[in-house]
């Protein structure tokens, strides 16, 4: 998943690929991450998006890398997770003179 964030396989498909039952894999993911699989995937996408947008990638390029069907679908996910669009998120941080969280992860 981390090597190919656009991979949209479900928990059941991942379980099958790993020879694990869906429920077993779901329990393992929660035990290891404290999150459901879908929440973990969303967090991964946010981290990658912040890193790439901070590096100057366009919203369209980031949405494609992450496997979203459209830029608007990516922006909707970003807004749900961070409360504002990518453009607003970065402009607000720039106004306050803050580094993006992704800068600390690089």
C-alpha atoms as a PDB file:
ATOM      1  CA  UNK A   1       0.000   0.000   0.000  1.00  0.00           C
ATOM      2  CA  UNK A   2       2.729   2.493   0.886  1.00  0.00           C
ATOM      3  CA  UNK A   3       4.704   1.666  -2.248  1.00  0.00           C
ATOM      4  CA  UNK A   4       1.621   2.140  -4.406  1.00  0.00           C
ATOM      5  CA  UNK A   5      -0.801   4.494  -2.656  1.00  0.00           C
ATOM      6  CA  UNK A   6      -3.152   4.369  -5.651  1.00  0.00           C
ATOM      7  CA  UNK A   7      -3.805   0.667  -4.947  1.00  0.00           C
ATOM      8  CA  UNK A   8      -7.523   0.501  -4.138  1.00  0.00           C
ATOM      9  CA  UNK A   9      -7.732  -3.124  -3.019  1.00  0.00           C
ATOM     10  CA  UNK A  10     -10.211  -3.777  -0.235  1.00  0.00           C
ATOM     11  CA  UNK A  11      -9.388  -5.412   3.088  1.00  0.00           C
ATOM     12  CA  UNK A  12     -10.861  -8.649   1.720  1.00  0.00           C
ATOM     13  CA  UNK A  13      -8.595  -8.476  -1.344  1.00  0.00           C
ATOM     14  CA  UNK A  14      -5.542  -7.731   0.805  1.00  0.00           C
ATOM     15  CA  UNK A  15      -6.474 -10.604   3.119  1.00  0.00           C
ATOM     16  CA  UNK A  16      -6.745 -12.967   0.184  1.00  0.00           C
ATOM     17  CA  UNK A  17      -3.360 -11.837  -1.147  1.00  0.00           C
ATOM     18  CA  UNK A  18      -1.827 -12.429   2.293  1.00  0.00           C
ATOM     19  CA  UNK A  19      -3.677 -15.703   2.954  1.00  0.00           C
ATOM     20  CA  UNK A  20      -5.562 -14.142   5.873  1.00  0.00           C
ATOM     21  CA  UNK A  21      -9.247 -13.838   6.534  1.00  0.00           C
ATOM     22  CA  UNK A  22     -10.731 -10.369   6.190  1.00  0.00           C
ATOM     23  CA  UNK A  23     -11.633 -10.153   9.895  1.00  0.00           C
ATOM     24  CA  UNK A  24      -8.188 -11.379  10.935  1.00  0.00           C
ATOM     25  CA  UNK A  25      -6.509  -8.740   8.806  1.00  0.00           C
ATOM     26  CA  UNK A  26      -8.863  -6.052  10.129  1.00  0.00           C
ATOM     27  CA  UNK A  27      -7.995  -7.013  13.721  1.00  0.00           C
ATOM     28  CA  UNK A  28      -4.260  -6.996  12.928  1.00  0.00           C
ATOM     29  CA  UNK A  29      -4.431  -3.554  11.320  1.00  0.00           C
ATOM     30  CA  UNK A  30      -6.310  -2.116  14.310  1.00  0.00           C
ATOM     31  CA  UNK A  31      -3.903  -3.790  16.757  1.00  0.00           C
ATOM     32  CA  UNK A  32      -0.848  -2.410  14.948  1.00  0.00           C
ATOM     33  CA  UNK A  33      -2.104   1.058  14.015  1.00  0.00           C
ATOM     34  CA  UNK A  34      -5.018   1.804  16.322  1.00  0.00           C
ATOM     35  CA  UNK A  35      -7.064   2.596  13.194  1.00  0.00           C
ATOM     36  CA  UNK A  36      -9.346   0.803  10.810  1.00  0.00           C
ATOM     37  CA  UNK A  37      -7.887  -0.073   7.424  1.00  0.00           C
ATOM     38  CA  UNK A  38      -9.821   2.699   5.658  1.00  0.00           C
ATOM     39  CA  UNK A  39      -8.749   5.284   8.255  1.00  0.00           C
ATOM     40  CA  UNK A  40      -5.126   4.125   7.957  1.00  0.00           C
ATOM     41  CA  UNK A  41      -5.299   4.409   4.158  1.00  0.00           C
ATOM     42  CA  UNK A  42      -6.735   7.932   4.442  1.00  0.00           C
ATOM     43  CA  UNK A  43      -3.962   8.955   6.854  1.00  0.00           C
ATOM     44  CA  UNK A  44      -1.366   7.556   4.452  1.00  0.00           C
ATOM     45  CA  UNK A  45      -2.909   9.576   1.624  1.00  0.00           C
ATOM     46  CA  UNK A  46      -2.873  12.762   3.724  1.00  0.00           C
ATOM     47  CA  UNK A  47       0.801  12.293   4.635  1.00  0.00           C
ATOM     48  CA  UNK A  48       1.780  11.646   1.018  1.00  0.00           C
ATOM     49  CA  UNK A  49      -0.364  14.562  -0.176  1.00  0.00           C
ATOM     50  CA  UNK A  50       1.217  16.971   2.319  1.00  0.00           C
ATOM     51  CA  UNK A  51       4.708  15.845   1.359  1.00  0.00           C
ATOM     52  CA  UNK A  52       4.104  16.127  -2.368  1.00  0.00           C
ATOM     53  CA  UNK A  53       2.163  19.391  -2.249  1.00  0.00           C
ATOM     54  CA  UNK A  54       4.861  20.889   0.000  1.00  0.00           C
ATOM     55  CA  UNK A  55       7.435  19.842  -2.593  1.00  0.00           C
ATOM     56  CA  UNK A  56       5.525  21.760  -5.269  1.00  0.00           C
ATOM     57  CA  UNK A  57       3.514  19.008  -6.964  1.00  0.00           C
ATOM     58  CA  UNK A  58       0.169  20.137  -8.361  1.00  0.00           C
ATOM     59  CA  UNK A  59      -3.104  19.041  -6.800  1.00  0.00           C
ATOM     60  CA  UNK A  60      -3.895  17.200 -10.030  1.00  0.00           C
ATOM     61  CA  UNK A  61      -0.584  15.297  -9.960  1.00  0.00           C
ATOM     62  CA  UNK A  62      -1.080  14.339  -6.317  1.00  0.00           C
ATOM     63  CA  UNK A  63      -4.657  13.196  -6.907  1.00  0.00           C
ATOM     64  CA  UNK A  64      -3.435  10.980  -9.771  1.00  0.00           C
ATOM     65  CA  UNK A  65      -0.569   9.498  -7.719  1.00  0.00           C
ATOM     66  CA  UNK A  66      -3.026   8.638  -4.959  1.00  0.00           C
ATOM     67  CA  UNK A  67      -5.481   7.051  -7.394  1.00  0.00           C
ATOM     68  CA  UNK A  68      -8.428   9.416  -7.061  1.00  0.00           C
ATOM     69  CA  UNK A  69     -10.903   9.410  -9.942  1.00  0.00           C
ATOM     70  CA  UNK A  70     -10.893  13.196 -10.066  1.00  0.00           C
ATOM     71  CA  UNK A  71      -9.229  16.232  -8.552  1.00  0.00           C
ATOM     72  CA  UNK A  72     -12.520  17.113  -6.858  1.00  0.00           C
ATOM     73  CA  UNK A  73     -12.652  13.689  -5.152  1.00  0.00           C
ATOM     74  CA  UNK A  74      -9.138  14.273  -3.794  1.00  0.00           C
ATOM     75  CA  UNK A  75     -10.014  17.792  -2.612  1.00  0.00           C
ATOM     76  CA  UNK A  76     -13.134  16.432  -0.877  1.00  0.00           C
ATOM     77  CA  UNK A  77     -11.037  13.849   0.998  1.00  0.00           C
ATOM     78  CA  UNK A  78      -8.453  16.508   1.923  1.00  0.00           C
ATOM     79  CA  UNK A  79     -11.198  18.848   3.216  1.00  0.00           C
ATOM     80  CA  UNK A  80     -12.789  16.071   5.279  1.00  0.00           C
ATOM     81  CA  UNK A  81      -9.440  15.214   6.849  1.00  0.00           C
ATOM     82  CA  UNK A  82      -7.983  18.696   7.403  1.00  0.00           C
ATOM     83  CA  UNK A  83     -11.005  20.975   7.333  1.00  0.00           C
ATOM     84  CA  UNK A  84      -9.996  23.002   4.282  1.00  0.00           C
ATOM     85  CA  UNK A  85      -8.941  22.626   0.663  1.00  0.00           C
ATOM     86  CA  UNK A  86      -5.252  22.117  -0.167  1.00  0.00           C
ATOM     87  CA  UNK A  87      -4.977  25.693  -1.472  1.00  0.00           C
ATOM     88  CA  UNK A  88      -6.552  27.150   1.682  1.00  0.00           C
ATOM     89  CA  UNK A  89      -4.510  24.857   3.946  1.00  0.00           C
ATOM     90  CA  UNK A  90      -1.199  25.994   2.450  1.00  0.00           C
ATOM     91  CA  UNK A  91      -2.158  29.669   2.122  1.00  0.00           C
ATOM     92  CA  UNK A  92      -3.276  29.779   5.775  1.00  0.00           C
ATOM     93  CA  UNK A  93      -0.017  28.186   6.924  1.00  0.00           C
ATOM     94  CA  UNK A  94       2.036  30.567   4.775  1.00  0.00           C
ATOM     95  CA  UNK A  95       0.195  33.575   6.248  1.00  0.00           C
ATOM     96  CA  UNK A  96       1.122  32.375   9.725  1.00  0.00           C
ATOM     97  CA  UNK A  97       4.714  31.647   8.645  1.00  0.00           C
ATOM     98  CA  UNK A  98       4.382  27.981   9.575  1.00  0.00           C
ATOM     99  CA  UNK A  99       6.115  25.027   8.018  1.00  0.00           C
ATOM    100  CA  UNK A 100       3.847  22.266   6.809  1.00  0.00           C
ATOM    101  CA  UNK A 101       3.796  19.083   8.900  1.00  0.00           C
ATOM    102  CA  UNK A 102       5.203  17.204   5.918  1.00  0.00           C
ATOM    103  CA  UNK A 103       8.408  19.229   6.101  1.00  0.00           C
ATOM    104  CA  UNK A 104       9.124  17.533   9.420  1.00  0.00           C
ATOM    105  CA  UNK A 105       8.618  14.087   7.871  1.00  0.00           C
ATOM    106  CA  UNK A 106      11.124  14.474   5.036  1.00  0.00           C
END
